[in-house]
Amino acid sequence: MQPFVLYNSEQRKKVEFVPRVEGHIDMYVCGMTVYDYCHIGHARVMVAFDYIIRFLRSQGWSVKYVRNITDIDDKIIKRANENGESITQLTDRFIQAMNEDAENLGCLLPDEAPRAT
């Protein structure tokens, strides 16, 4: 594994990255709130973290990529009610669409995608 530095905004300087477990990185990323189709901002998140994960893995790091899904909030409840469908029907549909978008962008799916519920 190649050592590397990251900008630490708290310290306001670049510091060498030191993993909690040697050779392994756990990356937890806040994902989408799934009440509608993805937009360009979501695509940016998918592509940016896909790039980082692929780079780290290419350098020999073991990376566990977790991206959460917010599948319950006021916007979701409102949209489900407007559509006359259950929250689960709405969120399942948009999670599937989000994963299709990621695939069409050539992005890897996360290793885990826990839902807020």
N, C-alpha and C. Protein backbone atom coordinates (compact mmCIF):
# COMPACT_ATOMS: atom_id res chain seq x y z
N MET A 1 0.83 -1.18 0.00
CA MET A 1 0.00 0.00 0.00
C MET A 1 0.88 1.25 0.00
N GLN A 2 0.48 2.15 -0.83
CA GLN A 2 1.20 3.41 -0.90
C GLN A 2 0.69 4.36 0.19
N PRO A 3 1.59 4.95 0.98
CA PRO A 3 1.12 5.96 1.93
C PRO A 3 0.66 7.20 1.18
N PHE A 4 -0.24 7.95 1.79
CA PHE A 4 -0.71 9.17 1.14
C PHE A 4 -1.12 10.18 2.19
N VAL A 5 -1.26 11.43 1.75
CA VAL A 5 -1.66 12.49 2.66
C VAL A 5 -3.05 13.01 2.26
N LEU A 6 -3.76 13.50 3.26
CA LEU A 6 -5.06 14.11 3.06
C LEU A 6 -5.06 15.46 3.74
N TYR A 7 -5.91 16.35 3.25
CA TYR A 7 -6.05 17.65 3.91
C TYR A 7 -6.99 17.47 5.10
N ASN A 8 -6.50 17.80 6.29
CA ASN A 8 -7.30 17.74 7.51
C ASN A 8 -7.84 19.13 7.78
N SER A 9 -9.14 19.31 7.56
CA SER A 9 -9.72 20.65 7.70
C SER A 9 -9.71 21.13 9.15
N GLU A 10 -9.74 20.22 10.11
CA GLU A 10 -9.68 20.63 11.51
C GLU A 10 -8.29 21.20 11.84
N GLN A 11 -7.25 20.53 11.34
CA GLN A 11 -5.88 20.99 11.60
C GLN A 11 -5.42 22.03 10.58
N ARG A 12 -6.18 22.16 9.48
CA ARG A 12 -5.85 23.09 8.40
C ARG A 12 -4.48 22.84 7.78
N LYS A 13 -4.20 21.54 7.58
CA LYS A 13 -2.95 21.16 6.93
C LYS A 13 -3.07 19.74 6.40
N LYS A 14 -2.13 19.38 5.54
CA LYS A 14 -2.07 18.02 5.02
C LYS A 14 -1.41 17.13 6.06
N VAL A 15 -1.99 15.94 6.25
CA VAL A 15 -1.44 14.98 7.20
C VAL A 15 -1.41 13.60 6.55
N GLU A 16 -0.48 12.78 6.99
CA GLU A 16 -0.40 11.42 6.47
C GLU A 16 -1.61 10.63 6.98
N PHE A 17 -2.22 9.90 6.07
CA PHE A 17 -3.36 9.06 6.45
C PHE A 17 -2.85 7.83 7.17
N VAL A 18 -3.41 7.58 8.35
CA VAL A 18 -3.08 6.39 9.13
C VAL A 18 -4.39 5.66 9.43
N PRO A 19 -4.58 4.48 8.84
CA PRO A 19 -5.84 3.76 9.04
C PRO A 19 -5.93 3.19 10.46
N ARG A 20 -7.17 2.97 10.90
CA ARG A 20 -7.38 2.33 12.21
C ARG A 20 -6.90 0.89 12.18
N VAL A 21 -7.10 0.22 11.03
CA VAL A 21 -6.65 -1.15 10.84
C VAL A 21 -5.67 -1.13 9.68
N GLU A 22 -4.47 -1.62 9.92
CA GLU A 22 -3.44 -1.56 8.89
C GLU A 22 -3.91 -2.23 7.60
N GLY A 23 -3.77 -1.51 6.48
CA GLY A 23 -4.12 -2.04 5.17
C GLY A 23 -5.59 -1.98 4.82
N HIS A 24 -6.42 -1.48 5.75
CA HIS A 24 -7.86 -1.49 5.52
C HIS A 24 -8.46 -0.11 5.79
N ILE A 25 -9.40 0.29 4.92
CA ILE A 25 -10.10 1.56 5.09
C ILE A 25 -11.60 1.28 5.07
N ASP A 26 -12.30 1.79 6.08
CA ASP A 26 -13.76 1.79 6.09
C ASP A 26 -14.19 3.17 5.65
N MET A 27 -14.99 3.23 4.58
CA MET A 27 -15.46 4.52 4.07
C MET A 27 -16.98 4.55 4.16
N TYR A 28 -17.49 5.46 4.99
CA TYR A 28 -18.93 5.63 5.16
C TYR A 28 -19.32 6.95 4.52
N VAL A 29 -20.25 6.89 3.57
CA VAL A 29 -20.65 8.06 2.80
C VAL A 29 -22.14 8.28 2.98
N CYS A 30 -22.53 9.52 3.22
CA CYS A 30 -23.95 9.85 3.27
C CYS A 30 -24.52 9.75 1.87
N GLY A 31 -25.57 8.98 1.74
CA GLY A 31 -26.16 8.75 0.43
C GLY A 31 -27.38 9.64 0.18
N MET A 32 -28.23 9.17 -0.69
CA MET A 32 -29.36 9.95 -1.16
C MET A 32 -30.60 9.77 -0.28
N THR A 33 -31.44 10.79 -0.34
CA THR A 33 -32.80 10.70 0.20
C THR A 33 -33.68 10.36 -0.99
N VAL A 34 -34.30 9.18 -0.94
CA VAL A 34 -34.90 8.61 -2.15
C VAL A 34 -36.40 8.88 -2.24
N TYR A 35 -36.72 10.10 -2.65
CA TYR A 35 -38.13 10.46 -2.89
C TYR A 35 -38.34 10.90 -4.33
N ASP A 36 -37.26 10.94 -5.12
CA ASP A 36 -37.34 11.35 -6.52
C ASP A 36 -36.13 10.78 -7.25
N TYR A 37 -36.05 11.01 -8.55
CA TYR A 37 -34.92 10.54 -9.33
C TYR A 37 -33.67 11.33 -8.96
N CYS A 38 -32.53 10.73 -9.20
CA CYS A 38 -31.25 11.38 -8.92
C CYS A 38 -31.05 12.59 -9.82
N HIS A 39 -30.29 13.54 -9.33
CA HIS A 39 -29.94 14.72 -10.11
C HIS A 39 -28.42 14.80 -10.23
N ILE A 40 -27.92 15.83 -10.87
CA ILE A 40 -26.49 15.94 -11.16
C ILE A 40 -25.64 15.95 -9.89
N GLY A 41 -26.17 16.52 -8.81
CA GLY A 41 -25.43 16.50 -7.54
C GLY A 41 -25.25 15.10 -7.00
N HIS A 42 -26.27 14.26 -7.16
CA HIS A 42 -26.15 12.86 -6.75
C HIS A 42 -25.11 12.15 -7.62
N ALA A 43 -25.14 12.43 -8.91
CA ALA A 43 -24.17 11.81 -9.82
C ALA A 43 -22.75 12.19 -9.43
N ARG A 44 -22.55 13.44 -9.04
CA ARG A 44 -21.23 13.90 -8.62
C ARG A 44 -20.74 13.10 -7.42
N VAL A 45 -21.62 12.89 -6.45
CA VAL A 45 -21.25 12.10 -5.26
C VAL A 45 -20.87 10.68 -5.67
N MET A 46 -21.70 10.06 -6.50
CA MET A 46 -21.43 8.69 -6.92
C MET A 46 -20.08 8.58 -7.63
N VAL A 47 -19.84 9.48 -8.58
CA VAL A 47 -18.60 9.42 -9.37
C VAL A 47 -17.39 9.76 -8.52
N ALA A 48 -17.49 10.77 -7.68
CA ALA A 48 -16.34 11.19 -6.86
C ALA A 48 -15.90 10.06 -5.92
N PHE A 49 -16.85 9.45 -5.22
CA PHE A 49 -16.46 8.39 -4.29
C PHE A 49 -16.07 7.12 -5.02
N ASP A 50 -16.65 6.86 -6.18
CA ASP A 50 -16.21 5.73 -6.99
C ASP A 50 -14.74 5.90 -7.37
N TYR A 51 -14.38 7.11 -7.77
CA TYR A 51 -12.99 7.39 -8.13
C TYR A 51 -12.05 7.16 -6.95
N ILE A 52 -12.44 7.67 -5.78
CA ILE A 52 -11.59 7.52 -4.58
C ILE A 52 -11.43 6.05 -4.22
N ILE A 53 -12.52 5.32 -4.22
CA ILE A 53 -12.46 3.90 -3.85
C ILE A 53 -11.61 3.11 -4.83
N ARG A 54 -11.80 3.35 -6.11
CA ARG A 54 -11.00 2.64 -7.11
C ARG A 54 -9.52 2.98 -6.97
N PHE A 55 -9.22 4.26 -6.70
CA PHE A 55 -7.82 4.66 -6.52
C PHE A 55 -7.22 3.94 -5.32
N LEU A 56 -7.91 3.97 -4.19
CA LEU A 56 -7.39 3.33 -2.99
C LEU A 56 -7.16 1.84 -3.21
N ARG A 57 -8.12 1.19 -3.85
CA ARG A 57 -7.96 -0.24 -4.12
C ARG A 57 -6.81 -0.51 -5.08
N SER A 58 -6.60 0.39 -6.04
CA SER A 58 -5.49 0.21 -6.98
C SER A 58 -4.14 0.35 -6.29
N GLN A 59 -4.13 1.02 -5.14
CA GLN A 59 -2.90 1.19 -4.38
C GLN A 59 -2.69 0.08 -3.35
N GLY A 60 -3.58 -0.92 -3.38
CA GLY A 60 -3.42 -2.08 -2.53
C GLY A 60 -4.22 -2.06 -1.23
N TRP A 61 -5.01 -1.02 -1.03
CA TRP A 61 -5.82 -0.93 0.18
C TRP A 61 -7.05 -1.82 0.05
N SER A 62 -7.44 -2.43 1.15
CA SER A 62 -8.73 -3.09 1.25
C SER A 62 -9.72 -2.01 1.69
N VAL A 63 -10.78 -1.81 0.92
CA VAL A 63 -11.74 -0.74 1.22
C VAL A 63 -13.14 -1.33 1.36
N LYS A 64 -13.78 -1.02 2.47
CA LYS A 64 -15.20 -1.34 2.65
C LYS A 64 -15.97 -0.05 2.46
N TYR A 65 -16.80 -0.02 1.41
CA TYR A 65 -17.54 1.18 1.02
C TYR A 65 -19.00 1.04 1.46
N VAL A 66 -19.42 1.91 2.36
CA VAL A 66 -20.79 1.91 2.85
C VAL A 66 -21.41 3.26 2.51
N ARG A 67 -22.55 3.22 1.83
CA ARG A 67 -23.28 4.46 1.50
C ARG A 67 -24.72 4.29 1.99
N ASN A 68 -25.11 5.13 2.95
CA ASN A 68 -26.45 4.97 3.51
C ASN A 68 -27.52 5.48 2.56
N ILE A 69 -28.75 5.09 2.85
CA ILE A 69 -29.92 5.53 2.09
C ILE A 69 -30.92 6.08 3.09
N THR A 70 -31.32 7.32 2.90
CA THR A 70 -32.38 7.89 3.73
C THR A 70 -33.69 7.53 3.08
N ASP A 71 -34.40 6.59 3.71
CA ASP A 71 -35.65 6.10 3.13
C ASP A 71 -36.86 6.46 3.98
N ILE A 72 -36.68 7.44 4.87
CA ILE A 72 -37.81 7.98 5.62
C ILE A 72 -37.49 9.42 6.04
N ASP A 73 -38.32 10.32 5.64
CA ASP A 73 -38.27 11.72 6.10
C ASP A 73 -39.53 12.42 5.61
N ASP A 74 -39.67 13.67 5.93
CA ASP A 74 -40.91 14.39 5.60
C ASP A 74 -41.18 14.44 4.10
N LYS A 75 -40.12 14.61 3.30
CA LYS A 75 -40.31 14.68 1.84
C LYS A 75 -40.82 13.34 1.29
N ILE A 76 -40.31 12.27 1.84
CA ILE A 76 -40.72 10.94 1.38
C ILE A 76 -42.18 10.68 1.76
N ILE A 77 -42.53 11.00 2.99
CA ILE A 77 -43.90 10.80 3.45
C ILE A 77 -44.86 11.62 2.59
N LYS A 78 -44.51 12.88 2.36
CA LYS A 78 -45.36 13.76 1.54
C LYS A 78 -45.52 13.22 0.12
N ARG A 79 -44.41 12.82 -0.50
CA ARG A 79 -44.46 12.32 -1.88
C ARG A 79 -45.27 11.03 -1.98
N ALA A 80 -45.10 10.12 -1.02
CA ALA A 80 -45.85 8.87 -1.03
C ALA A 80 -47.35 9.16 -0.90
N ASN A 81 -47.69 10.09 -0.02
CA ASN A 81 -49.11 10.46 0.12
C ASN A 81 -49.65 11.09 -1.15
N GLU A 82 -48.87 11.97 -1.78
CA GLU A 82 -49.30 12.59 -3.04
C GLU A 82 -49.54 11.55 -4.14
N ASN A 83 -48.69 10.52 -4.14
CA ASN A 83 -48.77 9.47 -5.16
C ASN A 83 -49.79 8.38 -4.82
N GLY A 84 -50.29 8.39 -3.59
CA GLY A 84 -51.20 7.34 -3.18
C GLY A 84 -50.55 5.98 -3.07
N GLU A 85 -49.31 5.96 -2.62
CA GLU A 85 -48.58 4.70 -2.49
C GLU A 85 -47.92 4.64 -1.11
N SER A 86 -47.43 3.47 -0.76
CA SER A 86 -46.76 3.33 0.52
C SER A 86 -45.34 3.91 0.43
N ILE A 87 -44.81 4.23 1.57
CA ILE A 87 -43.43 4.74 1.64
C ILE A 87 -42.47 3.71 1.06
N THR A 88 -42.71 2.43 1.37
CA THR A 88 -41.84 1.36 0.86
C THR A 88 -41.90 1.27 -0.65
N GLN A 89 -43.09 1.37 -1.23
CA GLN A 89 -43.21 1.32 -2.70
C GLN A 89 -42.42 2.47 -3.33
N LEU A 90 -42.58 3.66 -2.78
CA LEU A 90 -41.88 4.83 -3.31
C LEU A 90 -40.37 4.67 -3.20
N THR A 91 -39.91 4.35 -2.01
CA THR A 91 -38.45 4.30 -1.80
C THR A 91 -37.81 3.13 -2.55
N ASP A 92 -38.48 1.99 -2.61
CA ASP A 92 -37.92 0.87 -3.37
C ASP A 92 -37.74 1.25 -4.84
N ARG A 93 -38.73 1.94 -5.41
CA ARG A 93 -38.65 2.35 -6.81
C ARG A 93 -37.47 3.30 -7.04
N PHE A 94 -37.30 4.28 -6.15
CA PHE A 94 -36.23 5.24 -6.36
C PHE A 94 -34.85 4.69 -5.99
N ILE A 95 -34.79 3.71 -5.10
CA ILE A 95 -33.51 3.04 -4.83
C ILE A 95 -33.09 2.27 -6.08
N GLN A 96 -34.03 1.57 -6.70
CA GLN A 96 -33.72 0.84 -7.93
C GLN A 96 -33.25 1.82 -9.02
N ALA A 97 -33.93 2.95 -9.16
CA ALA A 97 -33.54 3.95 -10.16
C ALA A 97 -32.15 4.51 -9.85
N MET A 98 -31.86 4.75 -8.56
CA MET A 98 -30.56 5.26 -8.16
C MET A 98 -29.46 4.26 -8.52
N ASN A 99 -29.70 2.99 -8.25
CA ASN A 99 -28.70 1.97 -8.58
C ASN A 99 -28.51 1.84 -10.09
N GLU A 100 -29.58 1.99 -10.86
CA GLU A 100 -29.47 1.98 -12.33
C GLU A 100 -28.64 3.18 -12.80
N ASP A 101 -28.87 4.34 -12.19
CA ASP A 101 -28.08 5.53 -12.54
C ASP A 101 -26.60 5.30 -12.26
N ALA A 102 -26.31 4.73 -11.10
CA ALA A 102 -24.91 4.45 -10.74
C ALA A 102 -24.28 3.50 -11.75
N GLU A 103 -25.02 2.46 -12.12
CA GLU A 103 -24.51 1.51 -13.10
C GLU A 103 -24.27 2.19 -14.45
N ASN A 104 -25.21 3.05 -14.87
CA ASN A 104 -25.05 3.76 -16.14
C ASN A 104 -23.87 4.72 -16.12
N LEU A 105 -23.52 5.22 -14.94
CA LEU A 105 -22.34 6.07 -14.79
C LEU A 105 -21.05 5.26 -14.70
N GLY A 106 -21.17 3.94 -14.63
CA GLY A 106 -20.01 3.07 -14.51
C GLY A 106 -19.47 2.99 -13.09
N CYS A 107 -20.29 3.34 -12.11
CA CYS A 107 -19.86 3.35 -10.72
C CYS A 107 -20.11 1.99 -10.07
N LEU A 108 -19.20 1.63 -9.18
CA LEU A 108 -19.40 0.44 -8.37
C LEU A 108 -20.49 0.70 -7.34
N LEU A 109 -21.28 -0.31 -7.06
CA LEU A 109 -22.24 -0.19 -5.97
C LEU A 109 -21.49 -0.32 -4.65
N PRO A 110 -22.01 0.27 -3.59
CA PRO A 110 -21.33 0.14 -2.30
C PRO A 110 -21.37 -1.31 -1.80
N ASP A 111 -20.45 -1.63 -0.92
CA ASP A 111 -20.44 -2.97 -0.32
C ASP A 111 -21.67 -3.16 0.56
N GLU A 112 -22.10 -2.09 1.19
CA GLU A 112 -23.31 -2.10 2.00
C GLU A 112 -24.07 -0.80 1.76
N ALA A 113 -25.40 -0.89 1.84
CA ALA A 113 -26.24 0.29 1.66
C ALA A 113 -27.34 0.26 2.72
N PRO A 114 -26.99 0.54 3.97
CA PRO A 114 -28.01 0.48 5.02
C PRO A 114 -29.04 1.59 4.84
N ARG A 115 -30.27 1.24 5.17
CA ARG A 115 -31.36 2.20 5.10
C ARG A 115 -31.57 2.83 6.48
N ALA A 116 -32.04 4.04 6.50
CA ALA A 116 -32.31 4.72 7.76
C ALA A 116 -33.34 3.96 8.58
N THR A 117 -34.28 3.28 7.89
CA THR A 117 -35.30 2.53 8.61
C THR A 117 -34.73 1.23 9.12
